[in-house]
Amino acid sequence: MIYELWYSAAENSYSYFARAADYDEQLSKFMSTTPDAVLRWSYHAKSHFEAMQARNDLLGFGLYVPEPDWEDTFYE
């Protein structure tokens, strides 16, 4: 699964989401509220937890620690 990191200078914020089945709808909603956002980075992940750790690595957030009862999602 490809994950994308978008950045808004106006809001000084990042948004990170997967290119899942609802990607076009999700991106359209996001861009309607954050029109200055630009795609800064994309990552092809084998699992959701891997994608989250890659984002943390890029942004310097440290180790990604999911809640104990969360299960990882794996992609082909």
PDB file of N, CA and C in Angstrom:
ATOM      1  N   MET A   1       0.859  -1.170   0.000  1.00  0.00           N
ATOM      2  CA  MET A   1       0.000   0.000   0.000  1.00  0.00           C
ATOM      3  C   MET A   1       0.906   1.233   0.000  1.00  0.00           C
ATOM      4  N   ILE A   2       0.514   2.207  -0.776  1.00  0.00           N
ATOM      5  CA  ILE A   2       1.260   3.463  -0.806  1.00  0.00           C
ATOM      6  C   ILE A   2       0.615   4.438   0.167  1.00  0.00           C
ATOM      7  N   TYR A   3       1.445   5.037   0.996  1.00  0.00           N
ATOM      8  CA  TYR A   3       1.022   6.069   1.933  1.00  0.00           C
ATOM      9  C   TYR A   3       1.628   7.388   1.474  1.00  0.00           C
ATOM     10  N   GLU A   4       0.883   8.465   1.696  1.00  0.00           N
ATOM     11  CA  GLU A   4       1.352   9.782   1.282  1.00  0.00           C
ATOM     12  C   GLU A   4       1.353  10.745   2.463  1.00  0.00           C
ATOM     13  N   LEU A   5       2.380  11.581   2.493  1.00  0.00           N
ATOM     14  CA  LEU A   5       2.510  12.618   3.515  1.00  0.00           C
ATOM     15  C   LEU A   5       2.333  13.965   2.825  1.00  0.00           C
ATOM     16  N   TRP A   6       1.310  14.682   3.214  1.00  0.00           N
ATOM     17  CA  TRP A   6       0.994  15.983   2.651  1.00  0.00           C
ATOM     18  C   TRP A   6       1.308  17.056   3.689  1.00  0.00           C
ATOM     19  N   TYR A   7       1.770  18.221   3.220  1.00  0.00           N
ATOM     20  CA  TYR A   7       2.119  19.322   4.126  1.00  0.00           C
ATOM     21  C   TYR A   7       1.377  20.595   3.752  1.00  0.00           C
ATOM     22  N   SER A   8       0.836  21.260   4.754  1.00  0.00           N
ATOM     23  CA  SER A   8       0.179  22.550   4.585  1.00  0.00           C
ATOM     24  C   SER A   8       1.002  23.611   5.303  1.00  0.00           C
ATOM     25  N   ALA A   9       1.535  24.565   4.544  1.00  0.00           N
ATOM     26  CA  ALA A   9       2.297  25.659   5.150  1.00  0.00           C
ATOM     27  C   ALA A   9       1.373  26.587   5.928  1.00  0.00           C
ATOM     28  N   ALA A  10       0.171  26.825   5.408  1.00  0.00           N
ATOM     29  CA  ALA A  10      -0.782  27.716   6.086  1.00  0.00           C
ATOM     30  C   ALA A  10      -1.140  27.204   7.476  1.00  0.00           C
ATOM     31  N   GLU A  11      -1.270  25.886   7.600  1.00  0.00           N
ATOM     32  CA  GLU A  11      -1.621  25.293   8.889  1.00  0.00           C
ATOM     33  C   GLU A  11      -0.399  24.748   9.625  1.00  0.00           C
ATOM     34  N   ASN A  12       0.749  24.751   8.950  1.00  0.00           N
ATOM     35  CA  ASN A  12       1.974  24.175   9.501  1.00  0.00           C
ATOM     36  C   ASN A  12       1.686  22.777  10.053  1.00  0.00           C
ATOM     37  N   SER A  13       1.065  21.949   9.195  1.00  0.00           N
ATOM     38  CA  SER A  13       0.675  20.620   9.643  1.00  0.00           C
ATOM     39  C   SER A  13       0.873  19.594   8.531  1.00  0.00           C
ATOM     40  N   TYR A  14       0.990  18.347   8.956  1.00  0.00           N
ATOM     41  CA  TYR A  14       1.127  17.221   8.045  1.00  0.00           C
ATOM     42  C   TYR A  14      -0.132  16.354   8.118  1.00  0.00           C
ATOM     43  N   SER A  15      -0.459  15.735   6.994  1.00  0.00           N
ATOM     44  CA  SER A  15      -1.518  14.729   6.942  1.00  0.00           C
ATOM     45  C   SER A  15      -0.941  13.513   6.240  1.00  0.00           C
ATOM     46  N   TYR A  16      -1.231  12.339   6.771  1.00  0.00           N
ATOM     47  CA  TYR A  16      -0.638  11.096   6.278  1.00  0.00           C
ATOM     48  C   TYR A  16      -1.755  10.094   6.086  1.00  0.00           C
ATOM     49  N   PHE A  17      -1.920   9.623   4.857  1.00  0.00           N
ATOM     50  CA  PHE A  17      -2.972   8.639   4.632  1.00  0.00           C
ATOM     51  C   PHE A  17      -2.620   7.716   3.478  1.00  0.00           C
ATOM     52  N   ALA A  18      -3.334   6.604   3.440  1.00  0.00           N
ATOM     53  CA  ALA A  18      -3.067   5.554   2.460  1.00  0.00           C
ATOM     54  C   ALA A  18      -3.823   5.808   1.162  1.00  0.00           C
ATOM     55  N   ARG A  19      -3.270   5.301   0.085  1.00  0.00           N
ATOM     56  CA  ARG A  19      -3.952   5.347  -1.216  1.00  0.00           C
ATOM     57  C   ARG A  19      -4.876   4.137  -1.304  1.00  0.00           C
ATOM     58  N   ALA A  20      -5.870   4.115  -0.439  1.00  0.00           N
ATOM     59  CA  ALA A  20      -6.832   3.007  -0.357  1.00  0.00           C
ATOM     60  C   ALA A  20      -7.957   3.229  -1.366  1.00  0.00           C
ATOM     61  N   ALA A  21      -8.948   2.364  -1.322  1.00  0.00           N
ATOM     62  CA  ALA A  21     -10.063   2.416  -2.272  1.00  0.00           C
ATOM     63  C   ALA A  21     -10.780   3.768  -2.254  1.00  0.00           C
ATOM     64  N   ASP A  22     -10.837   4.431  -1.103  1.00  0.00           N
ATOM     65  CA  ASP A  22     -11.519   5.718  -0.989  1.00  0.00           C
ATOM     66  C   ASP A  22     -10.572   6.912  -1.145  1.00  0.00           C
ATOM     67  N   TYR A  23      -9.409   6.684  -1.730  1.00  0.00           N
ATOM     68  CA  TYR A  23      -8.368   7.710  -1.834  1.00  0.00           C
ATOM     69  C   TYR A  23      -8.873   8.988  -2.511  1.00  0.00           C
ATOM     70  N   ASP A  24      -9.511   8.871  -3.663  1.00  0.00           N
ATOM     71  CA  ASP A  24      -9.953  10.059  -4.392  1.00  0.00           C
ATOM     72  C   ASP A  24     -10.912  10.906  -3.556  1.00  0.00           C
ATOM     73  N   GLU A  25     -11.845  10.252  -2.902  1.00  0.00           N
ATOM     74  CA  GLU A  25     -12.792  10.968  -2.044  1.00  0.00           C
ATOM     75  C   GLU A  25     -12.076  11.604  -0.855  1.00  0.00           C
ATOM     76  N   GLN A  26     -11.190  10.852  -0.236  1.00  0.00           N
ATOM     77  CA  GLN A  26     -10.446  11.349   0.921  1.00  0.00           C
ATOM     78  C   GLN A  26      -9.579  12.551   0.528  1.00  0.00           C
ATOM     79  N   LEU A  27      -8.894  12.455  -0.604  1.00  0.00           N
ATOM     80  CA  LEU A  27      -8.035  13.546  -1.059  1.00  0.00           C
ATOM     81  C   LEU A  27      -8.863  14.776  -1.415  1.00  0.00           C
ATOM     82  N   SER A  28      -9.998  14.574  -2.053  1.00  0.00           N
ATOM     83  CA  SER A  28     -10.869  15.695  -2.415  1.00  0.00           C
ATOM     84  C   SER A  28     -11.344  16.452  -1.168  1.00  0.00           C
ATOM     85  N   LYS A  29     -11.779  15.724  -0.160  1.00  0.00           N
ATOM     86  CA  LYS A  29     -12.210  16.353   1.097  1.00  0.00           C
ATOM     87  C   LYS A  29     -11.051  17.089   1.757  1.00  0.00           C
ATOM     88  N   PHE A  30      -9.897  16.447   1.771  1.00  0.00           N
ATOM     89  CA  PHE A  30      -8.718  17.050   2.391  1.00  0.00           C
ATOM     90  C   PHE A  30      -8.336  18.346   1.679  1.00  0.00           C
ATOM     91  N   MET A  31      -8.293  18.324   0.348  1.00  0.00           N
ATOM     92  CA  MET A  31      -7.887  19.499  -0.409  1.00  0.00           C
ATOM     93  C   MET A  31      -8.918  20.623  -0.328  1.00  0.00           C
ATOM     94  N   SER A  32     -10.181  20.286  -0.076  1.00  0.00           N
ATOM     95  CA  SER A  32     -11.197  21.333   0.065  1.00  0.00           C
ATOM     96  C   SER A  32     -11.011  22.122   1.357  1.00  0.00           C
ATOM     97  N   THR A  33     -10.431  21.489   2.367  1.00  0.00           N
ATOM     98  CA  THR A  33     -10.195  22.184   3.641  1.00  0.00           C
ATOM     99  C   THR A  33      -8.756  22.658   3.788  1.00  0.00           C
ATOM    100  N   THR A  34      -7.858  22.124   2.951  1.00  0.00           N
ATOM    101  CA  THR A  34      -6.439  22.466   3.030  1.00  0.00           C
ATOM    102  C   THR A  34      -5.905  22.670   1.603  1.00  0.00           C
ATOM    103  N   PRO A  35      -6.361  23.724   0.922  1.00  0.00           N
ATOM    104  CA  PRO A  35      -6.036  23.874  -0.497  1.00  0.00           C
ATOM    105  C   PRO A  35      -4.563  24.114  -0.807  1.00  0.00           C
ATOM    106  N   ASP A  36      -3.782  24.545   0.167  1.00  0.00           N
ATOM    107  CA  ASP A  36      -2.362  24.789  -0.099  1.00  0.00           C
ATOM    108  C   ASP A  36      -1.487  23.551   0.115  1.00  0.00           C
ATOM    109  N   ALA A  37      -2.084  22.434   0.507  1.00  0.00           N
ATOM    110  CA  ALA A  37      -1.299  21.225   0.814  1.00  0.00           C
ATOM    111  C   ALA A  37      -0.561  20.724  -0.425  1.00  0.00           C
ATOM    112  N   VAL A  38       0.665  20.265  -0.177  1.00  0.00           N
ATOM    113  CA  VAL A  38       1.489  19.691  -1.245  1.00  0.00           C
ATOM    114  C   VAL A  38       1.976  18.318  -0.798  1.00  0.00           C
ATOM    115  N   LEU A  39       2.067  17.435  -1.744  1.00  0.00           N
ATOM    116  CA  LEU A  39       2.586  16.099  -1.455  1.00  0.00           C
ATOM    117  C   LEU A  39       4.079  16.212  -1.208  1.00  0.00           C
ATOM    118  N   ARG A  40       4.522  15.789  -0.019  1.00  0.00           N
ATOM    119  CA  ARG A  40       5.932  15.901   0.344  1.00  0.00           C
ATOM    120  C   ARG A  40       6.679  14.584   0.252  1.00  0.00           C
ATOM    121  N   TRP A  41       5.937  13.434   0.398  1.00  0.00           N
ATOM    122  CA  TRP A  41       6.626  12.155   0.497  1.00  0.00           C
ATOM    123  C   TRP A  41       5.625  11.034   0.318  1.00  0.00           C
ATOM    124  N   SER A  42       6.055   9.967  -0.322  1.00  0.00           N
ATOM    125  CA  SER A  42       5.218   8.777  -0.396  1.00  0.00           C
ATOM    126  C   SER A  42       6.062   7.564  -0.036  1.00  0.00           C
ATOM    127  N   TYR A  43       5.383   6.532   0.448  1.00  0.00           N
ATOM    128  CA  TYR A  43       6.077   5.350   0.956  1.00  0.00           C
ATOM    129  C   TYR A  43       5.272   4.107   0.616  1.00  0.00           C
ATOM    130  N   HIS A  44       5.925   3.125   0.042  1.00  0.00           N
ATOM    131  CA  HIS A  44       5.275   1.851  -0.271  1.00  0.00           C
ATOM    132  C   HIS A  44       5.530   0.901   0.902  1.00  0.00           C
ATOM    133  N   ALA A  45       4.476   0.603   1.657  1.00  0.00           N
ATOM    134  CA  ALA A  45       4.593  -0.196   2.874  1.00  0.00           C
ATOM    135  C   ALA A  45       4.023  -1.594   2.694  1.00  0.00           C
ATOM    136  N   LYS A  46       4.614  -2.550   3.398  1.00  0.00           N
ATOM    137  CA  LYS A  46       4.100  -3.919   3.419  1.00  0.00           C
ATOM    138  C   LYS A  46       3.048  -4.102   4.500  1.00  0.00           C
ATOM    139  N   SER A  47       2.995  -3.145   5.453  1.00  0.00           N
ATOM    140  CA  SER A  47       1.976  -3.196   6.503  1.00  0.00           C
ATOM    141  C   SER A  47       1.718  -1.781   7.011  1.00  0.00           C
ATOM    142  N   HIS A  48       0.602  -1.629   7.717  1.00  0.00           N
ATOM    143  CA  HIS A  48       0.247  -0.324   8.281  1.00  0.00           C
ATOM    144  C   HIS A  48       1.268   0.122   9.325  1.00  0.00           C
ATOM    145  N   PHE A  49       1.657  -0.783  10.203  1.00  0.00           N
ATOM    146  CA  PHE A  49       2.618  -0.419  11.241  1.00  0.00           C
ATOM    147  C   PHE A  49       3.956  -0.005  10.622  1.00  0.00           C
ATOM    148  N   GLU A  50       4.373  -0.681   9.547  1.00  0.00           N
ATOM    149  CA  GLU A  50       5.611  -0.301   8.861  1.00  0.00           C
ATOM    150  C   GLU A  50       5.485   1.127   8.321  1.00  0.00           C
ATOM    151  N   ALA A  51       4.339   1.436   7.739  1.00  0.00           N
ATOM    152  CA  ALA A  51       4.109   2.776   7.197  1.00  0.00           C
ATOM    153  C   ALA A  51       4.172   3.831   8.295  1.00  0.00           C
ATOM    154  N   MET A  52       3.591   3.535   9.427  1.00  0.00           N
ATOM    155  CA  MET A  52       3.596   4.487  10.532  1.00  0.00           C
ATOM    156  C   MET A  52       5.008   4.695  11.078  1.00  0.00           C
ATOM    157  N   GLN A  53       5.806   3.624  11.144  1.00  0.00           N
ATOM    158  CA  GLN A  53       7.175   3.769  11.609  1.00  0.00           C
ATOM    159  C   GLN A  53       7.999   4.578  10.613  1.00  0.00           C
ATOM    160  N   ALA A  54       7.781   4.358   9.321  1.00  0.00           N
ATOM    161  CA  ALA A  54       8.502   5.114   8.297  1.00  0.00           C
ATOM    162  C   ALA A  54       8.198   6.609   8.420  1.00  0.00           C
ATOM    163  N   ARG A  55       6.930   6.944   8.668  1.00  0.00           N
ATOM    164  CA  ARG A  55       6.554   8.346   8.881  1.00  0.00           C
ATOM    165  C   ARG A  55       7.264   8.902  10.108  1.00  0.00           C
ATOM    166  N   ASN A  56       7.252   8.145  11.189  1.00  0.00           N
ATOM    167  CA  ASN A  56       7.936   8.604  12.400  1.00  0.00           C
ATOM    168  C   ASN A  56       9.420   8.807  12.157  1.00  0.00           C
ATOM    169  N   ASP A  57      10.034   7.896  11.412  1.00  0.00           N
ATOM    170  CA  ASP A  57      11.458   8.023  11.096  1.00  0.00           C
ATOM    171  C   ASP A  57      11.721   9.309  10.308  1.00  0.00           C
ATOM    172  N   LEU A  58      10.901   9.565   9.309  1.00  0.00           N
ATOM    173  CA  LEU A  58      11.077  10.747   8.475  1.00  0.00           C
ATOM    174  C   LEU A  58      10.946  12.032   9.280  1.00  0.00           C
ATOM    175  N   LEU A  59       9.956  12.079  10.153  1.00  0.00           N
ATOM    176  CA  LEU A  59       9.674  13.296  10.918  1.00  0.00           C
ATOM    177  C   LEU A  59      10.418  13.362  12.253  1.00  0.00           C
ATOM    178  N   GLY A  60      11.174  12.323  12.579  1.00  0.00           N
ATOM    179  CA  GLY A  60      11.946  12.324  13.822  1.00  0.00           C
ATOM    180  C   GLY A  60      11.112  12.104  15.068  1.00  0.00           C
ATOM    181  N   PHE A  61      10.015  11.352  14.945  1.00  0.00           N
ATOM    182  CA  PHE A  61       9.114  11.123  16.076  1.00  0.00           C
ATOM    183  C   PHE A  61       9.503   9.932  16.947  1.00  0.00           C
ATOM    184  N   GLY A  62      10.493   9.150  16.549  1.00  0.00           N
ATOM    185  CA  GLY A  62      10.888   7.993  17.350  1.00  0.00           C
ATOM    186  C   GLY A  62      10.087   6.749  17.016  1.00  0.00           C
ATOM    187  N   LEU A  63      10.073   5.833  17.952  1.00  0.00           N
ATOM    188  CA  LEU A  63       9.441   4.528  17.754  1.00  0.00           C
ATOM    189  C   LEU A  63       7.920   4.654  17.696  1.00  0.00           C
ATOM    190  N   TYR A  64       7.315   4.028  16.691  1.00  0.00           N
ATOM    191  CA  TYR A  64       5.852   3.960  16.599  1.00  0.00           C
ATOM    192  C   TYR A  64       5.385   2.833  17.501  1.00  0.00           C
ATOM    193  N   VAL A  65       4.501   3.156  18.438  1.00  0.00           N
ATOM    194  CA  VAL A  65       3.999   2.159  19.385  1.00  0.00           C
ATOM    195  C   VAL A  65       2.471   2.145  19.314  1.00  0.00           C
ATOM    196  N   PRO A  66       1.909   1.139  18.637  1.00  0.00           N
ATOM    197  CA  PRO A  66       0.448   1.058  18.563  1.00  0.00           C
ATOM    198  C   PRO A  66      -0.136   0.632  19.911  1.00  0.00           C
ATOM    199  N   GLU A  67      -1.420   0.830  20.050  1.00  0.00           N
ATOM    200  CA  GLU A  67      -2.102   0.373  21.248  1.00  0.00           C
ATOM    201  C   GLU A  67      -1.966  -1.156  21.337  1.00  0.00           C
ATOM    202  N   PRO A  68      -1.903  -1.717  22.546  1.00  0.00           N
ATOM    203  CA  PRO A  68      -1.679  -3.160  22.700  1.00  0.00           C
ATOM    204  C   PRO A  68      -2.701  -4.052  21.990  1.00  0.00           C
ATOM    205  N   ASP A  69      -3.937  -3.598  21.875  1.00  0.00           N
ATOM    206  CA  ASP A  69      -4.961  -4.448  21.264  1.00  0.00           C
ATOM    207  C   ASP A  69      -5.124  -4.222  19.753  1.00  0.00           C
ATOM    208  N   TRP A  70      -4.302  -3.350  19.165  1.00  0.00           N
ATOM    209  CA  TRP A  70      -4.381  -3.108  17.727  1.00  0.00           C
ATOM    210  C   TRP A  70      -3.665  -4.216  16.974  1.00  0.00           C
ATOM    211  N   GLU A  71      -4.240  -4.605  15.848  1.00  0.00           N
ATOM    212  CA  GLU A  71      -3.605  -5.611  14.990  1.00  0.00           C
ATOM    213  C   GLU A  71      -3.110  -4.907  13.726  1.00  0.00           C
ATOM    214  N   ASP A  72      -1.940  -5.312  13.272  1.00  0.00           N
ATOM    215  CA  ASP A  72      -1.367  -4.757  12.059  1.00  0.00           C
ATOM    216  C   ASP A  72      -2.159  -5.234  10.838  1.00  0.00           C
ATOM    217  N   THR A  73      -2.169  -4.436   9.796  1.00  0.00           N
ATOM    218  CA  THR A  73      -2.774  -4.798   8.522  1.00  0.00           C
ATOM    219  C   THR A  73      -1.650  -5.008   7.531  1.00  0.00           C
ATOM    220  N   PHE A  74      -1.622  -6.163   6.870  1.00  0.00           N
ATOM    221  CA  PHE A  74      -0.565  -6.471   5.915  1.00  0.00           C
ATOM    222  C   PHE A  74      -1.106  -6.360   4.501  1.00  0.00           C
ATOM    223  N   TYR A  75      -0.256  -5.869   3.595  1.00  0.00           N
ATOM    224  CA  TYR A  75      -0.630  -5.667   2.203  1.00  0.00           C
ATOM    225  C   TYR A  75       0.196  -6.566   1.310  1.00  0.00           C
ATOM    226  N   GLU A  76      -0.377  -6.905   0.170  1.00  0.00           N
ATOM    227  CA  GLU A  76       0.330  -7.770  -0.783  1.00  0.00           C
ATOM    228  C   GLU A  76       1.192  -6.930  -1.685  1.00  0.00           C
TER     229      GLU A  76
END
